[in-house]
Amino acid sequence: MNSLVTFARRGADSPINQWLNDNPLVLGGIMLAIGALLLGSGVYELRSGVTHDKRGNVIPGGMGKFTSILRIVCGLGVCGFGLYKLMAG
């Protein structure tokens, strides 16, 4: 865990950030995969009517529906960013 915190503190000039700037297709692909997971889980939970939080507990009622819709919107946003990085390069 300590190495992740150290890795995150390196900032915009870190070697991994420079590599991702040089290879935007990789960043776009990663973002597209994350967005697809968010979008898929949001659609699945909205259609099934049962939404779970990060600990696996069921979120009841309107808050569950709101959480599913929020996951769909965030998934679309992340997919949009991934497509932008793929196209703009």
N, C-alpha and C. Protein backbone atom coordinates (compact mmCIF):
# COMPACT_ATOMS: atom_id res chain seq x y z
N MET A 1 0.82 -1.19 0.00
CA MET A 1 0.00 0.00 0.00
C MET A 1 0.87 1.25 0.00
N ASN A 2 1.95 1.20 0.72
CA ASN A 2 2.84 2.35 0.79
C ASN A 2 3.43 2.67 -0.57
N SER A 3 3.71 1.65 -1.38
CA SER A 3 4.27 1.90 -2.71
C SER A 3 3.24 2.57 -3.61
N LEU A 4 1.94 2.26 -3.44
CA LEU A 4 0.91 2.92 -4.24
C LEU A 4 0.80 4.40 -3.90
N VAL A 5 0.91 4.73 -2.62
CA VAL A 5 0.86 6.13 -2.22
C VAL A 5 2.08 6.87 -2.77
N THR A 6 3.25 6.25 -2.69
CA THR A 6 4.45 6.86 -3.23
C THR A 6 4.34 7.02 -4.74
N PHE A 7 3.77 6.02 -5.41
CA PHE A 7 3.59 6.08 -6.86
C PHE A 7 2.64 7.21 -7.24
N ALA A 8 1.59 7.42 -6.45
CA ALA A 8 0.61 8.46 -6.75
C ALA A 8 1.16 9.85 -6.50
N ARG A 9 2.14 9.99 -5.64
CA ARG A 9 2.69 11.30 -5.30
C ARG A 9 3.71 11.81 -6.30
N ARG A 10 4.11 11.01 -7.23
CA ARG A 10 5.18 11.42 -8.15
C ARG A 10 4.75 12.52 -9.10
N GLY A 11 3.46 12.65 -9.35
CA GLY A 11 2.95 13.78 -10.12
C GLY A 11 3.00 13.57 -11.62
N ALA A 12 2.83 14.67 -12.33
CA ALA A 12 2.71 14.64 -13.79
C ALA A 12 4.03 14.30 -14.49
N ASP A 13 5.14 14.44 -13.80
CA ASP A 13 6.44 14.18 -14.43
C ASP A 13 6.94 12.76 -14.17
N SER A 14 6.09 11.91 -13.62
CA SER A 14 6.53 10.55 -13.33
C SER A 14 6.72 9.78 -14.65
N PRO A 15 7.55 8.77 -14.64
CA PRO A 15 7.80 8.01 -15.87
C PRO A 15 6.54 7.36 -16.45
N ILE A 16 5.65 6.87 -15.59
CA ILE A 16 4.44 6.22 -16.11
C ILE A 16 3.53 7.25 -16.77
N ASN A 17 3.44 8.45 -16.22
CA ASN A 17 2.63 9.49 -16.85
C ASN A 17 3.23 9.94 -18.18
N GLN A 18 4.52 10.01 -18.26
CA GLN A 18 5.18 10.35 -19.52
C GLN A 18 4.93 9.27 -20.55
N TRP A 19 4.98 8.00 -20.12
CA TRP A 19 4.74 6.90 -21.04
C TRP A 19 3.31 6.91 -21.55
N LEU A 20 2.35 7.19 -20.65
CA LEU A 20 0.96 7.27 -21.08
C LEU A 20 0.72 8.45 -22.01
N ASN A 21 1.43 9.55 -21.80
CA ASN A 21 1.33 10.68 -22.73
C ASN A 21 1.89 10.32 -24.10
N ASP A 22 2.92 9.50 -24.12
CA ASP A 22 3.51 9.07 -25.39
C ASP A 22 2.68 7.98 -26.08
N ASN A 23 1.88 7.24 -25.33
CA ASN A 23 1.06 6.14 -25.85
C ASN A 23 -0.41 6.35 -25.48
N PRO A 24 -1.10 7.27 -26.15
CA PRO A 24 -2.49 7.56 -25.76
C PRO A 24 -3.45 6.42 -26.06
N LEU A 25 -3.10 5.51 -26.96
CA LEU A 25 -3.99 4.38 -27.24
C LEU A 25 -4.13 3.47 -26.03
N VAL A 26 -3.07 3.33 -25.25
CA VAL A 26 -3.13 2.51 -24.04
C VAL A 26 -4.05 3.16 -23.02
N LEU A 27 -3.88 4.48 -22.82
CA LEU A 27 -4.73 5.19 -21.88
C LEU A 27 -6.19 5.15 -22.33
N GLY A 28 -6.44 5.33 -23.61
CA GLY A 28 -7.79 5.26 -24.13
C GLY A 28 -8.40 3.88 -23.94
N GLY A 29 -7.62 2.85 -24.17
CA GLY A 29 -8.10 1.48 -23.98
C GLY A 29 -8.42 1.18 -22.53
N ILE A 30 -7.58 1.65 -21.62
CA ILE A 30 -7.83 1.44 -20.19
C ILE A 30 -9.11 2.15 -19.77
N MET A 31 -9.26 3.40 -20.20
CA MET A 31 -10.46 4.17 -19.85
C MET A 31 -11.72 3.56 -20.47
N LEU A 32 -11.60 3.04 -21.68
CA LEU A 32 -12.73 2.40 -22.33
C LEU A 32 -13.15 1.14 -21.57
N ALA A 33 -12.19 0.38 -21.09
CA ALA A 33 -12.51 -0.83 -20.33
C ALA A 33 -13.16 -0.49 -18.99
N ILE A 34 -12.63 0.51 -18.29
CA ILE A 34 -13.22 0.93 -17.01
C ILE A 34 -14.63 1.47 -17.23
N GLY A 35 -14.80 2.28 -18.27
CA GLY A 35 -16.12 2.83 -18.57
C GLY A 35 -17.12 1.75 -18.93
N ALA A 36 -16.67 0.75 -19.68
CA ALA A 36 -17.57 -0.34 -20.05
C ALA A 36 -18.01 -1.13 -18.82
N LEU A 37 -17.10 -1.34 -17.88
CA LEU A 37 -17.47 -2.03 -16.64
C LEU A 37 -18.49 -1.22 -15.84
N LEU A 38 -18.26 0.09 -15.71
CA LEU A 38 -19.22 0.93 -15.00
C LEU A 38 -20.57 0.95 -15.70
N LEU A 39 -20.55 1.12 -17.00
CA LEU A 39 -21.78 1.17 -17.78
C LEU A 39 -22.53 -0.15 -17.69
N GLY A 40 -21.82 -1.24 -17.84
CA GLY A 40 -22.46 -2.56 -17.77
C GLY A 40 -23.05 -2.86 -16.42
N SER A 41 -22.32 -2.53 -15.35
CA SER A 41 -22.87 -2.79 -14.01
C SER A 41 -24.07 -1.91 -13.72
N GLY A 42 -24.03 -0.66 -14.19
CA GLY A 42 -25.17 0.22 -13.98
C GLY A 42 -26.41 -0.24 -14.71
N VAL A 43 -26.25 -0.67 -15.96
CA VAL A 43 -27.40 -1.16 -16.73
C VAL A 43 -27.94 -2.45 -16.14
N TYR A 44 -27.05 -3.36 -15.76
CA TYR A 44 -27.48 -4.63 -15.18
C TYR A 44 -28.27 -4.41 -13.88
N GLU A 45 -27.74 -3.55 -13.02
CA GLU A 45 -28.41 -3.31 -11.74
C GLU A 45 -29.71 -2.54 -11.92
N LEU A 46 -29.78 -1.65 -12.88
CA LEU A 46 -31.01 -0.92 -13.13
C LEU A 46 -32.10 -1.86 -13.67
N ARG A 47 -31.71 -2.76 -14.55
CA ARG A 47 -32.69 -3.71 -15.11
C ARG A 47 -33.13 -4.75 -14.09
N SER A 48 -32.21 -5.20 -13.24
CA SER A 48 -32.58 -6.22 -12.26
C SER A 48 -33.32 -5.62 -11.06
N GLY A 49 -33.14 -4.34 -10.82
CA GLY A 49 -33.82 -3.70 -9.71
C GLY A 49 -33.12 -3.86 -8.38
N VAL A 50 -31.96 -4.48 -8.36
CA VAL A 50 -31.19 -4.67 -7.13
C VAL A 50 -29.81 -4.05 -7.33
N THR A 51 -29.51 -3.04 -6.51
CA THR A 51 -28.22 -2.37 -6.59
C THR A 51 -27.41 -2.69 -5.34
N HIS A 52 -26.12 -2.92 -5.53
CA HIS A 52 -25.24 -3.24 -4.41
C HIS A 52 -24.20 -2.13 -4.25
N ASP A 53 -23.79 -1.90 -3.01
CA ASP A 53 -22.71 -0.96 -2.78
C ASP A 53 -21.37 -1.69 -2.84
N LYS A 54 -20.30 -1.00 -2.49
CA LYS A 54 -18.97 -1.61 -2.64
C LYS A 54 -18.72 -2.75 -1.66
N ARG A 55 -19.51 -2.83 -0.61
CA ARG A 55 -19.36 -3.91 0.35
C ARG A 55 -20.31 -5.07 0.11
N GLY A 56 -21.15 -4.94 -0.93
CA GLY A 56 -22.07 -6.01 -1.27
C GLY A 56 -23.44 -5.88 -0.65
N ASN A 57 -23.67 -4.82 0.11
CA ASN A 57 -24.98 -4.60 0.72
C ASN A 57 -25.95 -4.07 -0.33
N VAL A 58 -27.21 -4.46 -0.21
CA VAL A 58 -28.24 -4.02 -1.15
C VAL A 58 -28.64 -2.58 -0.81
N ILE A 59 -28.70 -1.73 -1.83
CA ILE A 59 -29.15 -0.36 -1.66
C ILE A 59 -30.62 -0.33 -2.06
N PRO A 60 -31.51 -0.04 -1.12
CA PRO A 60 -32.94 -0.13 -1.42
C PRO A 60 -33.52 1.13 -2.05
N GLY A 61 -34.66 0.96 -2.71
CA GLY A 61 -35.51 2.05 -3.16
C GLY A 61 -34.90 2.99 -4.17
N GLY A 62 -35.25 4.26 -4.00
CA GLY A 62 -34.83 5.30 -4.94
C GLY A 62 -33.34 5.54 -4.96
N MET A 63 -32.68 5.35 -3.81
CA MET A 63 -31.23 5.54 -3.76
C MET A 63 -30.52 4.49 -4.61
N GLY A 64 -31.05 3.28 -4.65
CA GLY A 64 -30.47 2.24 -5.50
C GLY A 64 -30.61 2.58 -6.97
N LYS A 65 -31.79 3.07 -7.34
CA LYS A 65 -32.02 3.47 -8.73
C LYS A 65 -31.12 4.64 -9.11
N PHE A 66 -30.99 5.61 -8.19
CA PHE A 66 -30.11 6.75 -8.44
C PHE A 66 -28.66 6.31 -8.60
N THR A 67 -28.21 5.37 -7.78
CA THR A 67 -26.84 4.86 -7.86
C THR A 67 -26.61 4.17 -9.21
N SER A 68 -27.57 3.40 -9.67
CA SER A 68 -27.43 2.73 -10.97
C SER A 68 -27.35 3.75 -12.11
N ILE A 69 -28.20 4.76 -12.05
CA ILE A 69 -28.18 5.80 -13.08
C ILE A 69 -26.87 6.58 -13.03
N LEU A 70 -26.37 6.85 -11.83
CA LEU A 70 -25.09 7.54 -11.69
C LEU A 70 -23.95 6.71 -12.28
N ARG A 71 -23.99 5.39 -12.08
CA ARG A 71 -22.97 4.53 -12.67
C ARG A 71 -23.04 4.54 -14.19
N ILE A 72 -24.24 4.61 -14.73
CA ILE A 72 -24.41 4.66 -16.18
C ILE A 72 -23.83 5.98 -16.72
N VAL A 73 -24.15 7.08 -16.06
CA VAL A 73 -23.67 8.39 -16.51
C VAL A 73 -22.14 8.47 -16.41
N CYS A 74 -21.59 8.01 -15.30
CA CYS A 74 -20.13 8.02 -15.15
C CYS A 74 -19.47 7.08 -16.15
N GLY A 75 -20.07 5.93 -16.41
CA GLY A 75 -19.53 5.00 -17.40
C GLY A 75 -19.52 5.60 -18.79
N LEU A 76 -20.59 6.33 -19.14
CA LEU A 76 -20.63 7.01 -20.44
C LEU A 76 -19.55 8.09 -20.52
N GLY A 77 -19.35 8.81 -19.42
CA GLY A 77 -18.32 9.84 -19.40
C GLY A 77 -16.92 9.27 -19.56
N VAL A 78 -16.64 8.19 -18.84
CA VAL A 78 -15.32 7.56 -18.93
C VAL A 78 -15.12 6.94 -20.32
N CYS A 79 -16.16 6.32 -20.88
CA CYS A 79 -16.08 5.78 -22.24
C CYS A 79 -15.84 6.90 -23.24
N GLY A 80 -16.51 8.04 -23.05
CA GLY A 80 -16.30 9.18 -23.92
C GLY A 80 -14.87 9.69 -23.88
N PHE A 81 -14.30 9.74 -22.67
CA PHE A 81 -12.90 10.16 -22.55
C PHE A 81 -11.98 9.16 -23.22
N GLY A 82 -12.27 7.87 -23.04
CA GLY A 82 -11.45 6.84 -23.68
C GLY A 82 -11.51 6.91 -25.19
N LEU A 83 -12.71 7.14 -25.73
CA LEU A 83 -12.84 7.29 -27.19
C LEU A 83 -12.13 8.55 -27.69
N TYR A 84 -12.20 9.61 -26.89
CA TYR A 84 -11.50 10.85 -27.24
C TYR A 84 -9.99 10.59 -27.32
N LYS A 85 -9.44 9.90 -26.34
CA LYS A 85 -8.01 9.62 -26.35
C LYS A 85 -7.63 8.71 -27.51
N LEU A 86 -8.53 7.77 -27.85
CA LEU A 86 -8.26 6.88 -28.98
C LEU A 86 -8.27 7.65 -30.30
N MET A 87 -9.22 8.59 -30.44
CA MET A 87 -9.34 9.34 -31.69
C MET A 87 -8.32 10.46 -31.81
N ALA A 88 -8.15 11.22 -30.72
CA ALA A 88 -7.26 12.38 -30.76
C ALA A 88 -5.80 11.96 -30.73
N GLY A 89 -5.53 10.87 -30.03
CA GLY A 89 -4.18 10.32 -29.99
C GLY A 89 -3.23 11.27 -29.41
